[in-house]
Amino acid sequence: MTTEISLIACCRPLGAPTLSDEEADSTATLFKALADPARVKIVNLLASSGGPVCACEFEPALGLSQPTVSHHLKKLTDAGLLEREQRGKWAYFSINPEAAGQLAGLVDLKEARDVEPCC
């Protein structure tokens, strides 16, 4: 299984003229990591926090149990979207800035709009 930033680095924008099978698979894997409302909320909380957030803060914010929150954080971290920092017994999470930039470029459909129709 591809993990960390290598997953994101291999993906071309969806508006690219063509995608290889590997690029399509990697892109689908990335979107699978975001294909859960709790994970989208986690990314939203981190994007609006202005800094790393302790894992313990997600439980009350999401209304989920600790094991469920840990599962979602692991999925996002494995996909390369989040960075994890251990501070004593607490884990703090933040958005991986490189991944955020790559993700923004991935969904840029400008290339597709700029291509003239073939028919």
PDB file of N, CA and C in Angstrom:
ATOM      1  N   MET A   1       0.834  -1.176   0.000  1.00  0.00           N
ATOM      2  CA  MET A   1       0.000   0.000   0.000  1.00  0.00           C
ATOM      3  C   MET A   1       0.883   1.246   0.000  1.00  0.00           C
ATOM      4  N   THR A   2       0.566   2.196  -0.858  1.00  0.00           N
ATOM      5  CA  THR A   2       1.307   3.442  -0.930  1.00  0.00           C
ATOM      6  C   THR A   2       0.871   4.330   0.221  1.00  0.00           C
ATOM      7  N   THR A   3       1.833   4.916   0.935  1.00  0.00           N
ATOM      8  CA  THR A   3       1.485   5.789   2.037  1.00  0.00           C
ATOM      9  C   THR A   3       2.299   7.060   1.975  1.00  0.00           C
ATOM     10  N   GLU A   4       1.998   7.953   2.905  1.00  0.00           N
ATOM     11  CA  GLU A   4       2.693   9.213   3.072  1.00  0.00           C
ATOM     12  C   GLU A   4       2.599  10.061   1.818  1.00  0.00           C
ATOM     13  N   ILE A   5       3.473  11.007   1.689  1.00  0.00           N
ATOM     14  CA  ILE A   5       3.394  12.000   0.627  1.00  0.00           C
ATOM     15  C   ILE A   5       3.607  11.398  -0.759  1.00  0.00           C
ATOM     16  N   SER A   6       4.213  10.224  -0.851  1.00  0.00           N
ATOM     17  CA  SER A   6       4.407   9.599  -2.163  1.00  0.00           C
ATOM     18  C   SER A   6       3.072   9.354  -2.844  1.00  0.00           C
ATOM     19  N   LEU A   7       2.038   9.135  -2.064  1.00  0.00           N
ATOM     20  CA  LEU A   7       0.707   8.937  -2.623  1.00  0.00           C
ATOM     21  C   LEU A   7       0.264  10.186  -3.359  1.00  0.00           C
ATOM     22  N   ILE A   8       0.472  11.328  -2.761  1.00  0.00           N
ATOM     23  CA  ILE A   8       0.012  12.580  -3.346  1.00  0.00           C
ATOM     24  C   ILE A   8       0.947  13.046  -4.452  1.00  0.00           C
ATOM     25  N   ALA A   9       2.231  12.838  -4.291  1.00  0.00           N
ATOM     26  CA  ALA A   9       3.201  13.331  -5.257  1.00  0.00           C
ATOM     27  C   ALA A   9       3.019  12.704  -6.638  1.00  0.00           C
ATOM     28  N   CYS A  10       2.430  11.529  -6.707  1.00  0.00           N
ATOM     29  CA  CYS A  10       2.330  10.837  -7.982  1.00  0.00           C
ATOM     30  C   CYS A  10       1.100  11.242  -8.771  1.00  0.00           C
ATOM     31  N   CYS A  11       0.207  12.008  -8.153  1.00  0.00           N
ATOM     32  CA  CYS A  11      -1.087  12.284  -8.771  1.00  0.00           C
ATOM     33  C   CYS A  11      -1.047  13.537  -9.646  1.00  0.00           C
ATOM     34  N   ARG A  12      -1.544  13.416 -10.872  1.00  0.00           N
ATOM     35  CA  ARG A  12      -1.663  14.563 -11.769  1.00  0.00           C
ATOM     36  C   ARG A  12      -3.041  15.173 -11.589  1.00  0.00           C
ATOM     37  N   PRO A  13      -3.190  16.446 -11.944  1.00  0.00           N
ATOM     38  CA  PRO A  13      -4.513  17.079 -11.820  1.00  0.00           C
ATOM     39  C   PRO A  13      -5.578  16.311 -12.608  1.00  0.00           C
ATOM     40  N   LEU A  14      -6.775  16.304 -12.097  1.00  0.00           N
ATOM     41  CA  LEU A  14      -7.863  15.615 -12.778  1.00  0.00           C
ATOM     42  C   LEU A  14      -8.158  16.245 -14.133  1.00  0.00           C
ATOM     43  N   GLY A  15      -7.762  17.501 -14.318  1.00  0.00           N
ATOM     44  CA  GLY A  15      -7.965  18.179 -15.588  1.00  0.00           C
ATOM     45  C   GLY A  15      -6.884  17.897 -16.614  1.00  0.00           C
ATOM     46  N   ALA A  16      -5.907  17.040 -16.272  1.00  0.00           N
ATOM     47  CA  ALA A  16      -4.845  16.688 -17.217  1.00  0.00           C
ATOM     48  C   ALA A  16      -5.458  15.939 -18.402  1.00  0.00           C
ATOM     49  N   PRO A  17      -4.840  16.064 -19.562  1.00  0.00           N
ATOM     50  CA  PRO A  17      -5.401  15.390 -20.744  1.00  0.00           C
ATOM     51  C   PRO A  17      -5.597  13.882 -20.551  1.00  0.00           C
ATOM     52  N   THR A  18      -4.667  13.227 -19.845  1.00  0.00           N
ATOM     53  CA  THR A  18      -4.798  11.795 -19.577  1.00  0.00           C
ATOM     54  C   THR A  18      -4.192  11.489 -18.209  1.00  0.00           C
ATOM     55  N   LEU A  19      -4.627  10.385 -17.634  1.00  0.00           N
ATOM     56  CA  LEU A  19      -4.062   9.871 -16.386  1.00  0.00           C
ATOM     57  C   LEU A  19      -3.678   8.425 -16.606  1.00  0.00           C
ATOM     58  N   SER A  20      -2.533   8.022 -16.098  1.00  0.00           N
ATOM     59  CA  SER A  20      -2.153   6.616 -16.173  1.00  0.00           C
ATOM     60  C   SER A  20      -3.002   5.835 -15.173  1.00  0.00           C
ATOM     61  N   ASP A  21      -2.982   4.523 -15.297  1.00  0.00           N
ATOM     62  CA  ASP A  21      -3.716   3.682 -14.349  1.00  0.00           C
ATOM     63  C   ASP A  21      -3.204   3.912 -12.925  1.00  0.00           C
ATOM     64  N   GLU A  22      -1.862   4.047 -12.772  1.00  0.00           N
ATOM     65  CA  GLU A  22      -1.282   4.270 -11.448  1.00  0.00           C
ATOM     66  C   GLU A  22      -1.744   5.611 -10.868  1.00  0.00           C
ATOM     67  N   GLU A  23      -1.769   6.648 -11.703  1.00  0.00           N
ATOM     68  CA  GLU A  23      -2.232   7.962 -11.236  1.00  0.00           C
ATOM     69  C   GLU A  23      -3.697   7.928 -10.840  1.00  0.00           C
ATOM     70  N   ALA A  24      -4.511   7.232 -11.617  1.00  0.00           N
ATOM     71  CA  ALA A  24      -5.932   7.118 -11.292  1.00  0.00           C
ATOM     72  C   ALA A  24      -6.130   6.347  -9.988  1.00  0.00           C
ATOM     73  N   ASP A  25      -5.376   5.258  -9.799  1.00  0.00           N
ATOM     74  CA  ASP A  25      -5.474   4.484  -8.562  1.00  0.00           C
ATOM     75  C   ASP A  25      -5.044   5.307  -7.347  1.00  0.00           C
ATOM     76  N   SER A  26      -3.928   6.037  -7.484  1.00  0.00           N
ATOM     77  CA  SER A  26      -3.431   6.858  -6.373  1.00  0.00           C
ATOM     78  C   SER A  26      -4.407   7.975  -6.036  1.00  0.00           C
ATOM     79  N   THR A  27      -4.982   8.590  -7.051  1.00  0.00           N
ATOM     80  CA  THR A  27      -5.962   9.647  -6.831  1.00  0.00           C
ATOM     81  C   THR A  27      -7.198   9.095  -6.132  1.00  0.00           C
ATOM     82  N   ALA A  28      -7.661   7.932  -6.562  1.00  0.00           N
ATOM     83  CA  ALA A  28      -8.822   7.305  -5.928  1.00  0.00           C
ATOM     84  C   ALA A  28      -8.531   6.973  -4.464  1.00  0.00           C
ATOM     85  N   THR A  29      -7.323   6.504  -4.181  1.00  0.00           N
ATOM     86  CA  THR A  29      -6.939   6.192  -2.803  1.00  0.00           C
ATOM     87  C   THR A  29      -6.962   7.450  -1.943  1.00  0.00           C
ATOM     88  N   LEU A  30      -6.469   8.543  -2.492  1.00  0.00           N
ATOM     89  CA  LEU A  30      -6.490   9.815  -1.765  1.00  0.00           C
ATOM     90  C   LEU A  30      -7.917  10.242  -1.468  1.00  0.00           C
ATOM     91  N   PHE A  31      -8.784  10.166  -2.462  1.00  0.00           N
ATOM     92  CA  PHE A  31     -10.173  10.557  -2.230  1.00  0.00           C
ATOM     93  C   PHE A  31     -10.886   9.598  -1.281  1.00  0.00           C
ATOM     94  N   LYS A  32     -10.493   8.331  -1.274  1.00  0.00           N
ATOM     95  CA  LYS A  32     -11.064   7.383  -0.304  1.00  0.00           C
ATOM     96  C   LYS A  32     -10.723   7.814   1.117  1.00  0.00           C
ATOM     97  N   ALA A  33      -9.514   8.364   1.304  1.00  0.00           N
ATOM     98  CA  ALA A  33      -9.125   8.834   2.634  1.00  0.00           C
ATOM     99  C   ALA A  33     -10.019   9.982   3.090  1.00  0.00           C
ATOM    100  N   LEU A  34     -10.552  10.733   2.161  1.00  0.00           N
ATOM    101  CA  LEU A  34     -11.434  11.859   2.493  1.00  0.00           C
ATOM    102  C   LEU A  34     -12.911  11.510   2.371  1.00  0.00           C
ATOM    103  N   ALA A  35     -13.213  10.273   2.024  1.00  0.00           N
ATOM    104  CA  ALA A  35     -14.586   9.878   1.725  1.00  0.00           C
ATOM    105  C   ALA A  35     -15.398   9.500   2.960  1.00  0.00           C
ATOM    106  N   ASP A  36     -15.166  10.187   4.048  1.00  0.00           N
ATOM    107  CA  ASP A  36     -15.919   9.953   5.271  1.00  0.00           C
ATOM    108  C   ASP A  36     -16.184  11.312   5.907  1.00  0.00           C
ATOM    109  N   PRO A  37     -17.416  11.595   6.291  1.00  0.00           N
ATOM    110  CA  PRO A  37     -17.722  12.908   6.869  1.00  0.00           C
ATOM    111  C   PRO A  37     -16.865  13.263   8.081  1.00  0.00           C
ATOM    112  N   ALA A  38     -16.529  12.296   8.907  1.00  0.00           N
ATOM    113  CA  ALA A  38     -15.692  12.579  10.081  1.00  0.00           C
ATOM    114  C   ALA A  38     -14.297  13.027   9.647  1.00  0.00           C
ATOM    115  N   ARG A  39     -13.760  12.431   8.600  1.00  0.00           N
ATOM    116  CA  ARG A  39     -12.426  12.812   8.124  1.00  0.00           C
ATOM    117  C   ARG A  39     -12.454  14.200   7.497  1.00  0.00           C
ATOM    118  N   VAL A  40     -13.521  14.504   6.797  1.00  0.00           N
ATOM    119  CA  VAL A  40     -13.660  15.849   6.229  1.00  0.00           C
ATOM    120  C   VAL A  40     -13.734  16.871   7.365  1.00  0.00           C
ATOM    121  N   LYS A  41     -14.452  16.539   8.437  1.00  0.00           N
ATOM    122  CA  LYS A  41     -14.539  17.439   9.590  1.00  0.00           C
ATOM    123  C   LYS A  41     -13.179  17.608  10.273  1.00  0.00           C
ATOM    124  N   ILE A  42     -12.417  16.532  10.356  1.00  0.00           N
ATOM    125  CA  ILE A  42     -11.078  16.601  10.947  1.00  0.00           C
ATOM    126  C   ILE A  42     -10.217  17.569  10.138  1.00  0.00           C
ATOM    127  N   VAL A  43     -10.225  17.431   8.821  1.00  0.00           N
ATOM    128  CA  VAL A  43      -9.433  18.317   7.967  1.00  0.00           C
ATOM    129  C   VAL A  43      -9.922  19.757   8.125  1.00  0.00           C
ATOM    130  N   ASN A  44     -11.234  19.941   8.200  1.00  0.00           N
ATOM    131  CA  ASN A  44     -11.792  21.285   8.401  1.00  0.00           C
ATOM    132  C   ASN A  44     -11.346  21.881   9.734  1.00  0.00           C
ATOM    133  N   LEU A  45     -11.398  21.090  10.793  1.00  0.00           N
ATOM    134  CA  LEU A  45     -10.965  21.575  12.105  1.00  0.00           C
ATOM    135  C   LEU A  45      -9.492  21.968  12.097  1.00  0.00           C
ATOM    136  N   LEU A  46      -8.680  21.160  11.456  1.00  0.00           N
ATOM    137  CA  LEU A  46      -7.250  21.459  11.385  1.00  0.00           C
ATOM    138  C   LEU A  46      -6.981  22.681  10.509  1.00  0.00           C
ATOM    139  N   ALA A  47      -7.702  22.800   9.401  1.00  0.00           N
ATOM    140  CA  ALA A  47      -7.497  23.933   8.499  1.00  0.00           C
ATOM    141  C   ALA A  47      -7.867  25.253   9.168  1.00  0.00           C
ATOM    142  N   SER A  48      -8.824  25.222  10.077  1.00  0.00           N
ATOM    143  CA  SER A  48      -9.277  26.452  10.726  1.00  0.00           C
ATOM    144  C   SER A  48      -8.639  26.685  12.098  1.00  0.00           C
ATOM    145  N   SER A  49      -7.767  25.777  12.534  1.00  0.00           N
ATOM    146  CA  SER A  49      -7.204  25.864  13.876  1.00  0.00           C
ATOM    147  C   SER A  49      -6.021  26.814  13.994  1.00  0.00           C
ATOM    148  N   GLY A  50      -5.263  26.969  12.946  1.00  0.00           N
ATOM    149  CA  GLY A  50      -4.089  27.822  12.999  1.00  0.00           C
ATOM    150  C   GLY A  50      -2.870  27.160  13.608  1.00  0.00           C
ATOM    151  N   GLY A  51      -2.941  25.894  13.935  1.00  0.00           N
ATOM    152  CA  GLY A  51      -1.807  25.176  14.507  1.00  0.00           C
ATOM    153  C   GLY A  51      -2.166  23.744  14.798  1.00  0.00           C
ATOM    154  N   PRO A  52      -1.206  22.967  15.299  1.00  0.00           N
ATOM    155  CA  PRO A  52      -1.472  21.561  15.626  1.00  0.00           C
ATOM    156  C   PRO A  52      -2.581  21.416  16.672  1.00  0.00           C
ATOM    157  N   VAL A  53      -3.337  20.341  16.541  1.00  0.00           N
ATOM    158  CA  VAL A  53      -4.450  20.056  17.445  1.00  0.00           C
ATOM    159  C   VAL A  53      -4.204  18.709  18.110  1.00  0.00           C
ATOM    160  N   CYS A  54      -4.404  18.660  19.421  1.00  0.00           N
ATOM    161  CA  CYS A  54      -4.259  17.415  20.173  1.00  0.00           C
ATOM    162  C   CYS A  54      -5.358  16.439  19.762  1.00  0.00           C
ATOM    163  N   ALA A  55      -4.996  15.176  19.652  1.00  0.00           N
ATOM    164  CA  ALA A  55      -5.969  14.152  19.277  1.00  0.00           C
ATOM    165  C   ALA A  55      -7.157  14.131  20.228  1.00  0.00           C
ATOM    166  N   CYS A  56      -6.927  14.469  21.481  1.00  0.00           N
ATOM    167  CA  CYS A  56      -7.998  14.434  22.474  1.00  0.00           C
ATOM    168  C   CYS A  56      -9.093  15.469  22.192  1.00  0.00           C
ATOM    169  N   GLU A  57      -8.782  16.496  21.410  1.00  0.00           N
ATOM    170  CA  GLU A  57      -9.763  17.538  21.108  1.00  0.00           C
ATOM    171  C   GLU A  57     -10.762  17.124  20.029  1.00  0.00           C
ATOM    172  N   PHE A  58     -10.468  16.072  19.296  1.00  0.00           N
ATOM    173  CA  PHE A  58     -11.372  15.647  18.231  1.00  0.00           C
ATOM    174  C   PHE A  58     -12.593  14.893  18.751  1.00  0.00           C
ATOM    175  N   GLU A  59     -12.430  14.175  19.852  1.00  0.00           N
ATOM    176  CA  GLU A  59     -13.553  13.408  20.401  1.00  0.00           C
ATOM    177  C   GLU A  59     -14.774  14.281  20.664  1.00  0.00           C
ATOM    178  N   PRO A  60     -14.652  15.335  21.490  1.00  0.00           N
ATOM    179  CA  PRO A  60     -15.839  16.159  21.731  1.00  0.00           C
ATOM    180  C   PRO A  60     -16.287  16.933  20.491  1.00  0.00           C
ATOM    181  N   ALA A  61     -15.354  17.343  19.662  1.00  0.00           N
ATOM    182  CA  ALA A  61     -15.710  18.119  18.468  1.00  0.00           C
ATOM    183  C   ALA A  61     -16.502  17.285  17.466  1.00  0.00           C
ATOM    184  N   LEU A  62     -16.186  15.986  17.392  1.00  0.00           N
ATOM    185  CA  LEU A  62     -16.844  15.106  16.428  1.00  0.00           C
ATOM    186  C   LEU A  62     -17.954  14.258  17.049  1.00  0.00           C
ATOM    187  N   GLY A  63     -17.957  14.163  18.376  1.00  0.00           N
ATOM    188  CA  GLY A  63     -18.937  13.309  19.044  1.00  0.00           C
ATOM    189  C   GLY A  63     -18.680  11.835  18.798  1.00  0.00           C
ATOM    190  N   LEU A  64     -17.392  11.483  18.636  1.00  0.00           N
ATOM    191  CA  LEU A  64     -17.011  10.094  18.371  1.00  0.00           C
ATOM    192  C   LEU A  64     -16.129   9.574  19.496  1.00  0.00           C
ATOM    193  N   SER A  65     -16.054   8.252  19.611  1.00  0.00           N
ATOM    194  CA  SER A  65     -15.203   7.636  20.627  1.00  0.00           C
ATOM    195  C   SER A  65     -13.738   7.765  20.245  1.00  0.00           C
ATOM    196  N   GLN A  66     -12.867   7.617  21.232  1.00  0.00           N
ATOM    197  CA  GLN A  66     -11.425   7.729  21.006  1.00  0.00           C
ATOM    198  C   GLN A  66     -10.920   6.728  19.968  1.00  0.00           C
ATOM    199  N   PRO A  67     -11.333   5.447  20.029  1.00  0.00           N
ATOM    200  CA  PRO A  67     -10.832   4.510  19.013  1.00  0.00           C
ATOM    201  C   PRO A  67     -11.261   4.896  17.590  1.00  0.00           C
ATOM    202  N   THR A  68     -12.472   5.426  17.453  1.00  0.00           N
ATOM    203  CA  THR A  68     -12.956   5.826  16.132  1.00  0.00           C
ATOM    204  C   THR A  68     -12.183   7.033  15.622  1.00  0.00           C
ATOM    205  N   VAL A  69     -11.947   8.008  16.488  1.00  0.00           N
ATOM    206  CA  VAL A  69     -11.157   9.182  16.114  1.00  0.00           C
ATOM    207  C   VAL A  69      -9.747   8.748  15.718  1.00  0.00           C
ATOM    208  N   SER A  70      -9.131   7.867  16.492  1.00  0.00           N
ATOM    209  CA  SER A  70      -7.783   7.372  16.181  1.00  0.00           C
ATOM    210  C   SER A  70      -7.743   6.695  14.811  1.00  0.00           C
ATOM    211  N   HIS A  71      -8.771   5.919  14.504  1.00  0.00           N
ATOM    212  CA  HIS A  71      -8.866   5.241  13.205  1.00  0.00           C
ATOM    213  C   HIS A  71      -8.868   6.267  12.073  1.00  0.00           C
ATOM    214  N   HIS A  72      -9.698   7.297  12.207  1.00  0.00           N
ATOM    215  CA  HIS A  72      -9.790   8.320  11.165  1.00  0.00           C
ATOM    216  C   HIS A  72      -8.488   9.113  11.033  1.00  0.00           C
ATOM    217  N   LEU A  73      -7.869   9.450  12.144  1.00  0.00           N
ATOM    218  CA  LEU A  73      -6.602  10.176  12.106  1.00  0.00           C
ATOM    219  C   LEU A  73      -5.517   9.337  11.431  1.00  0.00           C
ATOM    220  N   LYS A  74      -5.505   8.041  11.697  1.00  0.00           N
ATOM    221  CA  LYS A  74      -4.522   7.146  11.070  1.00  0.00           C
ATOM    222  C   LYS A  74      -4.729   7.088   9.563  1.00  0.00           C
ATOM    223  N   LYS A  75      -5.966   6.980   9.125  1.00  0.00           N
ATOM    224  CA  LYS A  75      -6.247   6.930   7.687  1.00  0.00           C
ATOM    225  C   LYS A  75      -5.754   8.194   6.986  1.00  0.00           C
ATOM    226  N   LEU A  76      -6.016   9.354   7.588  1.00  0.00           N
ATOM    227  CA  LEU A  76      -5.587  10.619   6.995  1.00  0.00           C
ATOM    228  C   LEU A  76      -4.068  10.776   7.035  1.00  0.00           C
ATOM    229  N   THR A  77      -3.446  10.304   8.115  1.00  0.00           N
ATOM    230  CA  THR A  77      -1.990  10.359   8.234  1.00  0.00           C
ATOM    231  C   THR A  77      -1.339   9.410   7.232  1.00  0.00           C
ATOM    232  N   ASP A  78      -1.857   8.193   7.106  1.00  0.00           N
ATOM    233  CA  ASP A  78      -1.316   7.222   6.150  1.00  0.00           C
ATOM    234  C   ASP A  78      -1.427   7.724   4.708  1.00  0.00           C
ATOM    235  N   ALA A  79      -2.463   8.499   4.423  1.00  0.00           N
ATOM    236  CA  ALA A  79      -2.642   9.046   3.077  1.00  0.00           C
ATOM    237  C   ALA A  79      -1.706  10.222   2.816  1.00  0.00           C
ATOM    238  N   GLY A  80      -1.026  10.702   3.879  1.00  0.00           N
ATOM    239  CA  GLY A  80      -0.098  11.807   3.720  1.00  0.00           C
ATOM    240  C   GLY A  80      -0.725  13.172   3.901  1.00  0.00           C
ATOM    241  N   LEU A  81      -1.996  13.212   4.259  1.00  0.00           N
ATOM    242  CA  LEU A  81      -2.681  14.496   4.412  1.00  0.00           C
ATOM    243  C   LEU A  81      -2.376  15.179   5.736  1.00  0.00           C
ATOM    244  N   LEU A  82      -2.089  14.387   6.775  1.00  0.00           N
ATOM    245  CA  LEU A  82      -1.814  14.941   8.093  1.00  0.00           C
ATOM    246  C   LEU A  82      -0.397  14.615   8.535  1.00  0.00           C
ATOM    247  N   GLU A  83       0.133  15.473   9.388  1.00  0.00           N
ATOM    248  CA  GLU A  83       1.399  15.216  10.067  1.00  0.00           C
ATOM    249  C   GLU A  83       1.083  14.966  11.534  1.00  0.00           C
ATOM    250  N   ARG A  84       1.815  14.033  12.135  1.00  0.00           N
ATOM    251  CA  ARG A  84       1.608  13.665  13.533  1.00  0.00           C
ATOM    252  C   ARG A  84       2.870  13.988  14.317  1.00  0.00           C
ATOM    253  N   GLU A  85       2.690  14.652  15.459  1.00  0.00           N
ATOM    254  CA  GLU A  85       3.807  14.992  16.330  1.00  0.00           C
ATOM    255  C   GLU A  85       3.487  14.485  17.736  1.00  0.00           C
ATOM    256  N   GLN A  86       4.385  13.696  18.276  1.00  0.00           N
ATOM    257  CA  GLN A  86       4.204  13.163  19.630  1.00  0.00           C
ATOM    258  C   GLN A  86       4.775  14.147  20.640  1.00  0.00           C
ATOM    259  N   ARG A  87       3.953  14.545  21.608  1.00  0.00           N
ATOM    260  CA  ARG A  87       4.390  15.430  22.701  1.00  0.00           C
ATOM    261  C   ARG A  87       4.052  14.722  24.005  1.00  0.00           C
ATOM    262  N   GLY A  88       5.046  14.046  24.559  1.00  0.00           N
ATOM    263  CA  GLY A  88       4.786  13.245  25.754  1.00  0.00           C
ATOM    264  C   GLY A  88       3.836  12.124  25.387  1.00  0.00           C
ATOM    265  N   LYS A  89       2.731  12.011  26.121  1.00  0.00           N
ATOM    266  CA  LYS A  89       1.768  10.943  25.808  1.00  0.00           C
ATOM    267  C   LYS A  89       0.692  11.392  24.828  1.00  0.00           C
ATOM    268  N   TRP A  90       0.732  12.644  24.410  1.00  0.00           N
ATOM    269  CA  TRP A  90      -0.288  13.182  23.512  1.00  0.00           C
ATOM    270  C   TRP A  90       0.223  13.308  22.089  1.00  0.00           C
ATOM    271  N   ALA A  91      -0.644  13.020  21.139  1.00  0.00           N
ATOM    272  CA  ALA A  91      -0.325  13.190  19.723  1.00  0.00           C
ATOM    273  C   ALA A  91      -1.034  14.442  19.211  1.00  0.00           C
ATOM    274  N   TYR A  92      -0.282  15.254  18.486  1.00  0.00           N
ATOM    275  CA  TYR A  92      -0.830  16.473  17.891  1.00  0.00           C
ATOM    276  C   TYR A  92      -0.802  16.324  16.371  1.00  0.00           C
ATOM    277  N   PHE A  93      -1.852  16.794  15.734  1.00  0.00           N
ATOM    278  CA  PHE A  93      -1.985  16.652  14.293  1.00  0.00           C
ATOM    279  C   PHE A  93      -2.101  18.012  13.630  1.00  0.00           C
ATOM    280  N   SER A  94      -1.559  18.089  12.418  1.00  0.00           N
ATOM    281  CA  SER A  94      -1.686  19.288  11.592  1.00  0.00           C
ATOM    282  C   SER A  94      -1.764  18.842  10.137  1.00  0.00           C
ATOM    283  N   ILE A  95      -2.212  19.744   9.304  1.00  0.00           N
ATOM    284  CA  ILE A  95      -2.292  19.441   7.878  1.00  0.00           C
ATOM    285  C   ILE A  95      -0.886  19.514   7.291  1.00  0.00           C
ATOM    286  N   ASN A  96      -0.542  18.539   6.507  1.00  0.00           N
ATOM    287  CA  ASN A  96       0.734  18.516   5.809  1.00  0.00           C
ATOM    288  C   ASN A  96       0.664  19.594   4.721  1.00  0.00           C
ATOM    289  N   PRO A  97       1.469  20.660   4.827  1.00  0.00           N
ATOM    290  CA  PRO A  97       1.360  21.764   3.867  1.00  0.00           C
ATOM    291  C   PRO A  97       1.621  21.351   2.420  1.00  0.00           C
ATOM    292  N   GLU A  98       2.582  20.460   2.225  1.00  0.00           N
ATOM    293  CA  GLU A  98       2.864  19.983   0.869  1.00  0.00           C
ATOM    294  C   GLU A  98       1.667  19.215   0.316  1.00  0.00           C
ATOM    295  N   ALA A  99       1.072  18.384   1.147  1.00  0.00           N
ATOM    296  CA  ALA A  99      -0.095  17.616   0.720  1.00  0.00           C
ATOM    297  C   ALA A  99      -1.265  18.538   0.399  1.00  0.00           C
ATOM    298  N   ALA A 100      -1.457  19.583   1.199  1.00  0.00           N
ATOM    299  CA  ALA A 100      -2.547  20.528   0.955  1.00  0.00           C
ATOM    300  C   ALA A 100      -2.369  21.200  -0.397  1.00  0.00           C
ATOM    301  N   GLY A 101      -1.143  21.588  -0.714  1.00  0.00           N
ATOM    302  CA  GLY A 101      -0.871  22.201  -2.010  1.00  0.00           C
ATOM    303  C   GLY A 101      -1.106  21.242  -3.154  1.00  0.00           C
ATOM    304  N   GLN A 102      -0.648  20.005  -2.984  1.00  0.00           N
ATOM    305  CA  GLN A 102      -0.850  18.997  -4.023  1.00  0.00           C
ATOM    306  C   GLN A 102      -2.329  18.687  -4.204  1.00  0.00           C
ATOM    307  N   LEU A 103      -3.055  18.609  -3.102  1.00  0.00           N
ATOM    308  CA  LEU A 103      -4.491  18.327  -3.174  1.00  0.00           C
ATOM    309  C   LEU A 103      -5.214  19.454  -3.903  1.00  0.00           C
ATOM    310  N   ALA A 104      -4.843  20.698  -3.612  1.00  0.00           N
ATOM    311  CA  ALA A 104      -5.453  21.840  -4.297  1.00  0.00           C
ATOM    312  C   ALA A 104      -5.193  21.757  -5.801  1.00  0.00           C
ATOM    313  N   GLY A 105      -3.967  21.396  -6.191  1.00  0.00           N
ATOM    314  CA  GLY A 105      -3.640  21.255  -7.603  1.00  0.00           C
ATOM    315  C   GLY A 105      -4.340  20.082  -8.255  1.00  0.00           C
ATOM    316  N   LEU A 106      -4.569  19.053  -7.474  1.00  0.00           N
ATOM    317  CA  LEU A 106      -5.207  17.849  -7.993  1.00  0.00           C
ATOM    318  C   LEU A 106      -6.613  18.129  -8.485  1.00  0.00           C
ATOM    319  N   VAL A 107      -7.340  18.940  -7.772  1.00  0.00           N
ATOM    320  CA  VAL A 107      -8.734  19.196  -8.139  1.00  0.00           C
ATOM    321  C   VAL A 107      -8.889  20.399  -9.059  1.00  0.00           C
ATOM    322  N   ASP A 108      -7.767  20.971  -9.521  1.00  0.00           N
ATOM    323  CA  ASP A 108      -7.826  22.082 -10.463  1.00  0.00           C
ATOM    324  C   ASP A 108      -8.244  21.536 -11.824  1.00  0.00           C
ATOM    325  N   LEU A 109      -9.410  21.931 -12.264  1.00  0.00           N
ATOM    326  CA  LEU A 109      -9.925  21.447 -13.542  1.00  0.00           C
ATOM    327  C   LEU A 109      -9.662  22.444 -14.673  1.00  0.00           C
ATOM    328  N   LYS A 110      -8.811  23.430 -14.438  1.00  0.00           N
ATOM    329  CA  LYS A 110      -8.518  24.467 -15.424  1.00  0.00           C
ATOM    330  C   LYS A 110      -8.001  23.868 -16.724  1.00  0.00           C
ATOM    331  N   GLU A 111      -7.106  22.883 -16.633  1.00  0.00           N
ATOM    332  CA  GLU A 111      -6.564  22.277 -17.848  1.00  0.00           C
ATOM    333  C   GLU A 111      -7.679  21.724 -18.723  1.00  0.00           C
ATOM    334  N   ALA A 112      -8.680  21.110 -18.106  1.00  0.00           N
ATOM    335  CA  ALA A 112      -9.780  20.530 -18.875  1.00  0.00           C
ATOM    336  C   ALA A 112     -10.597  21.632 -19.550  1.00  0.00           C
ATOM    337  N   ARG A 113     -10.766  22.774 -18.884  1.00  0.00           N
ATOM    338  CA  ARG A 113     -11.536  23.879 -19.466  1.00  0.00           C
ATOM    339  C   ARG A 113     -10.775  24.531 -20.611  1.00  0.00           C
ATOM    340  N   ASP A 114      -9.459  24.503 -20.556  1.00  0.00           N
ATOM    341  CA  ASP A 114      -8.642  25.167 -21.567  1.00  0.00           C
ATOM    342  C   ASP A 114      -8.479  24.348 -22.847  1.00  0.00           C
ATOM    343  N   VAL A 115      -8.856  23.083 -22.816  1.00  0.00           N
ATOM    344  CA  VAL A 115      -8.716  22.221 -23.988  1.00  0.00           C
ATOM    345  C   VAL A 115      -9.916  22.452 -24.906  1.00  0.00           C
ATOM    346  N   GLU A 116      -9.640  22.638 -26.191  1.00  0.00           N
ATOM    347  CA  GLU A 116     -10.715  22.860 -27.149  1.00  0.00           C
ATOM    348  C   GLU A 116     -11.446  21.551 -27.394  1.00  0.00           C
ATOM    349  N   PRO A 117     -12.764  21.621 -27.609  1.00  0.00           N
ATOM    350  CA  PRO A 117     -13.544  20.398 -27.861  1.00  0.00           C
ATOM    351  C   PRO A 117     -13.029  19.668 -29.097  1.00  0.00           C
ATOM    352  N   CYS A 118     -13.075  18.372 -29.036  1.00  0.00           N
ATOM    353  CA  CYS A 118     -12.538  17.572 -30.143  1.00  0.00           C
ATOM    354  C   CYS A 118     -13.551  17.388 -31.272  1.00  0.00           C
ATOM    355  N   CYS A 119     -14.847  17.601 -30.984  1.00  0.00           N
ATOM    356  CA  CYS A 119     -15.868  17.283 -32.004  1.00  0.00           C
ATOM    357  C   CYS A 119     -16.653  18.484 -32.456  1.00  0.00           C
TER     358      CYS A 119
END
